[in-house]
Amino acid sequence: MMEKRELKAEIRKARLAERDAISAELRLEHSLAMAEMGGEQLPVEPGLVVSGFFPIRSEADIRPLMARLKARGVRLCLPVVIDKETIVFRELVPGAELVNTGFGTRGPGPQAAVLDPDLLLVPLSAFDAHGNRIGYGAGHYDRAIARLKEKGRHPRLIGIAFDCQEVAEVPYEAHDVRLEAVLTESGLRQFAE
């Protein structure tokens, strides 16, 4: 029987291949649909700290969604890779210089404030109907969430994916953190506790 880690790697590879197969034009359409629906449906209020991300490879482009959330009064931050084990969330403010922040993406530089997000928009490779997710394999988000919980913080976790990234079942491990919901081009899907 395949170990959970190997099974996750196989699922990750297959779902990312499906995501990569979506044309750039259709990814843009899906991303804009996500901005439209998520801008209305995500549970945010003025002053809430929301961590987004800039897209890499074939990820959904949630920059239009982040702009809508900003217009609703949230404070935005982006993940920044500090080392192989650590990401922090730096505040994204208009006009701030963007620097390379790891994984081929850009974000606020070291002068930006480090924030503890109340809600994380989480990129992923695959998800299931129970809110389990497979990330990219480095464990950055799992460790960042664990550090936030050690500080007494319990951020809401909303996955960001395309419908094609859903699988019947994600192999669950003790360190895995479940999502509260996932936003796809079909809308926001809440998961039971």
Protein backbone atom coordinates (compact mmCIF):
# COMPACT_ATOMS: atom_id res chain seq x y z
CA MET A 1 0.00 0.00 0.00
CA MET A 2 1.29 3.44 -0.92
CA GLU A 3 2.38 5.66 1.95
CA LYS A 4 0.30 8.81 2.51
CA ARG A 5 3.19 11.05 1.51
CA GLU A 6 3.68 9.20 -1.79
CA LEU A 7 -0.06 9.20 -2.44
CA LYS A 8 -0.19 12.95 -1.80
CA ALA A 9 2.69 13.46 -4.25
CA GLU A 10 0.81 11.49 -6.93
CA ILE A 11 -2.40 13.44 -6.34
CA ARG A 12 -0.46 16.75 -6.35
CA LYS A 13 1.19 15.89 -9.67
CA ALA A 14 -2.11 14.86 -11.31
CA ARG A 15 -4.14 17.88 -10.09
CA LEU A 16 -1.42 20.36 -10.99
CA ALA A 17 -1.27 18.82 -14.48
CA GLU A 18 -5.05 19.37 -14.75
CA ARG A 19 -4.65 22.96 -13.58
CA ASP A 20 -1.76 23.54 -16.00
CA ALA A 21 -3.97 22.32 -18.86
CA ILE A 22 -6.42 25.21 -18.35
CA SER A 23 -5.73 27.85 -21.00
CA ALA A 24 -4.47 31.25 -19.85
CA GLU A 25 -7.68 32.85 -21.16
CA LEU A 26 -9.92 30.46 -19.23
CA ARG A 27 -7.80 30.84 -16.07
CA LEU A 28 -8.34 34.60 -16.34
CA GLU A 29 -12.11 34.13 -16.74
CA HIS A 30 -12.18 31.77 -13.76
CA SER A 31 -10.09 34.20 -11.69
CA LEU A 32 -12.44 37.07 -12.46
CA ALA A 33 -15.46 34.91 -11.55
CA MET A 34 -13.74 34.09 -8.25
CA ALA A 35 -13.16 37.81 -7.62
CA GLU A 36 -16.82 38.56 -8.31
CA MET A 37 -18.19 35.83 -6.06
CA GLY A 38 -15.52 35.96 -3.38
CA GLY A 39 -15.71 39.73 -3.18
CA GLU A 40 -19.35 39.31 -2.12
CA GLN A 41 -19.30 36.00 -0.23
CA LEU A 42 -16.10 35.97 1.81
CA PRO A 43 -16.68 36.68 5.52
CA VAL A 44 -14.75 39.94 5.95
CA GLU A 45 -15.26 43.25 7.72
CA PRO A 46 -13.26 46.49 7.88
CA GLY A 47 -9.94 46.12 9.69
CA LEU A 48 -9.72 42.33 9.23
CA VAL A 49 -6.24 41.19 8.18
CA VAL A 50 -6.41 39.00 5.08
CA SER A 51 -3.44 37.16 3.62
CA GLY A 52 -3.62 36.75 -0.14
CA PHE A 53 -0.93 35.77 -2.62
CA PHE A 54 0.34 36.72 -6.04
CA PRO A 55 -0.06 33.88 -8.55
CA ILE A 56 2.72 31.57 -9.61
CA ARG A 57 2.63 29.09 -12.47
CA SER A 58 -1.01 28.26 -13.28
CA GLU A 59 -2.59 29.41 -10.00
CA ALA A 60 -5.75 31.48 -9.94
CA ASP A 61 -4.92 35.18 -10.06
CA ILE A 62 -6.59 36.55 -6.93
CA ARG A 63 -5.27 40.08 -7.27
CA PRO A 64 -8.72 41.28 -8.49
CA LEU A 65 -10.27 39.52 -5.47
CA MET A 66 -7.78 41.17 -3.12
CA ALA A 67 -8.66 44.57 -4.63
CA ARG A 68 -12.35 43.92 -3.93
CA LEU A 69 -11.57 42.89 -0.35
CA LYS A 70 -9.40 45.99 0.11
CA ALA A 71 -12.37 48.09 -1.06
CA ARG A 72 -14.38 46.41 1.73
CA GLY A 73 -11.87 47.76 4.27
CA VAL A 74 -9.58 44.81 4.98
CA ARG A 75 -5.83 45.08 5.53
CA LEU A 76 -3.94 42.92 3.06
CA CYS A 77 -0.73 40.99 3.53
CA LEU A 78 1.26 38.52 1.45
CA PRO A 79 3.34 35.49 2.45
CA VAL A 80 7.10 35.93 2.27
CA VAL A 81 9.50 32.98 2.41
CA ILE A 82 12.14 33.70 5.06
CA ASP A 83 13.89 30.31 4.95
CA LYS A 84 13.10 26.65 4.16
CA GLU A 85 10.94 26.42 7.28
CA THR A 86 9.35 29.84 7.64
CA ILE A 87 7.00 32.24 5.96
CA VAL A 88 5.80 35.50 7.45
CA PHE A 89 2.99 37.76 6.29
CA ARG A 90 3.99 41.29 5.32
CA GLU A 91 1.47 44.10 4.87
CA LEU A 92 0.67 45.05 1.30
CA VAL A 93 0.02 48.78 0.99
CA PRO A 94 -0.44 50.91 -2.14
CA GLY A 95 2.81 52.21 -3.56
CA ALA A 96 5.08 49.89 -1.54
CA GLU A 97 8.08 48.50 -3.37
CA LEU A 98 7.73 44.82 -4.22
CA VAL A 99 10.71 42.47 -3.99
CA ASN A 100 11.33 38.81 -4.78
CA THR A 101 9.80 36.87 -1.90
CA GLY A 102 10.40 33.21 -2.81
CA PHE A 103 8.74 30.62 -5.04
CA GLY A 104 9.01 32.94 -8.04
CA THR A 105 6.67 35.58 -6.66
CA ARG A 106 6.95 39.13 -5.39
CA GLY A 107 5.70 40.91 -2.31
CA PRO A 108 6.43 43.60 0.26
CA GLY A 109 10.04 44.02 1.33
CA PRO A 110 11.57 43.83 4.82
CA GLN A 111 10.47 47.38 5.67
CA ALA A 112 6.79 46.30 5.56
CA ALA A 113 4.96 45.48 8.79
CA VAL A 114 4.64 41.79 9.68
CA LEU A 115 0.99 40.97 10.41
CA ASP A 116 -0.87 38.01 11.89
CA PRO A 117 -3.69 37.25 9.44
CA ASP A 118 -7.26 36.73 10.61
CA LEU A 119 -8.12 35.03 7.32
CA LEU A 120 -5.77 33.21 4.96
CA LEU A 121 -6.49 32.69 1.29
CA VAL A 122 -4.52 29.49 0.81
CA PRO A 123 -3.13 28.27 -2.52
CA LEU A 124 -3.23 24.51 -2.97
CA SER A 125 -2.70 21.59 -5.31
CA ALA A 126 -5.78 19.52 -4.41
CA PHE A 127 -8.73 19.50 -2.02
CA ASP A 128 -11.63 17.24 -1.09
CA ALA A 129 -15.21 17.73 0.07
CA HIS A 130 -14.14 17.55 3.74
CA GLY A 131 -11.82 20.55 3.57
CA ASN A 132 -8.60 18.55 3.43
CA ARG A 133 -5.96 20.04 1.18
CA ILE A 134 -2.67 19.17 -0.40
CA GLY A 135 -0.27 22.07 -0.71
CA TYR A 136 2.91 22.17 -2.74
CA GLY A 137 4.84 19.88 -0.42
CA ALA A 138 7.02 22.32 1.52
CA GLY A 139 4.67 22.61 4.53
CA HIS A 140 5.04 26.40 4.78
CA TYR A 141 1.36 27.09 5.43
CA ASP A 142 0.99 24.22 7.92
CA ARG A 143 3.92 25.55 9.97
CA ALA A 144 2.77 29.19 9.68
CA ILE A 145 -0.72 28.24 10.89
CA ALA A 146 0.79 26.23 13.77
CA ARG A 147 2.88 29.28 14.78
CA LEU A 148 -0.22 31.50 14.70
CA LYS A 149 -2.08 29.01 16.90
CA GLU A 150 0.84 28.97 19.36
CA LYS A 151 0.29 32.75 19.65
CA GLY A 152 -3.39 32.14 20.44
CA ARG A 153 -4.54 33.11 16.94
CA HIS A 154 -6.99 30.95 14.99
CA PRO A 155 -7.16 32.29 11.43
CA ARG A 156 -9.95 31.27 9.10
CA LEU A 157 -8.64 29.23 6.19
CA ILE A 158 -10.15 29.59 2.73
CA GLY A 159 -8.60 27.51 -0.05
CA ILE A 160 -8.21 28.97 -3.53
CA ALA A 161 -8.42 26.47 -6.40
CA PHE A 162 -10.12 25.60 -9.64
CA ASP A 163 -12.88 22.99 -9.71
CA CYS A 164 -10.55 20.55 -11.51
CA GLN A 165 -8.37 20.38 -8.38
CA GLU A 166 -11.03 18.59 -6.34
CA VAL A 167 -10.42 14.90 -5.62
CA ALA A 168 -12.55 12.24 -3.95
CA GLU A 169 -10.29 12.02 -0.90
CA VAL A 170 -7.11 13.66 0.34
CA PRO A 171 -4.99 11.41 2.59
CA TYR A 172 -5.16 13.14 5.98
CA GLU A 173 -2.17 13.33 8.34
CA ALA A 174 -2.02 14.61 11.91
CA HIS A 175 -0.16 17.83 10.97
CA ASP A 176 -2.65 18.72 8.21
CA VAL A 177 -4.96 21.68 8.82
CA ARG A 178 -8.44 21.58 7.31
CA LEU A 179 -9.96 24.43 5.34
CA GLU A 180 -13.14 26.18 6.42
CA ALA A 181 -14.12 26.69 2.77
CA VAL A 182 -12.74 26.74 -0.75
CA LEU A 183 -13.33 29.38 -3.41
CA THR A 184 -13.39 28.13 -7.01
CA GLU A 185 -14.84 29.48 -10.22
CA SER A 186 -18.14 27.87 -9.14
CA GLY A 187 -18.31 29.88 -5.90
CA LEU A 188 -17.58 29.57 -2.20
CA ARG A 189 -18.06 26.08 -0.74
CA GLN A 190 -18.24 25.83 3.05
CA PHE A 191 -17.13 22.60 4.75
CA ALA A 192 -18.77 21.06 7.80
CA GLU A 193 -16.83 21.22 11.05
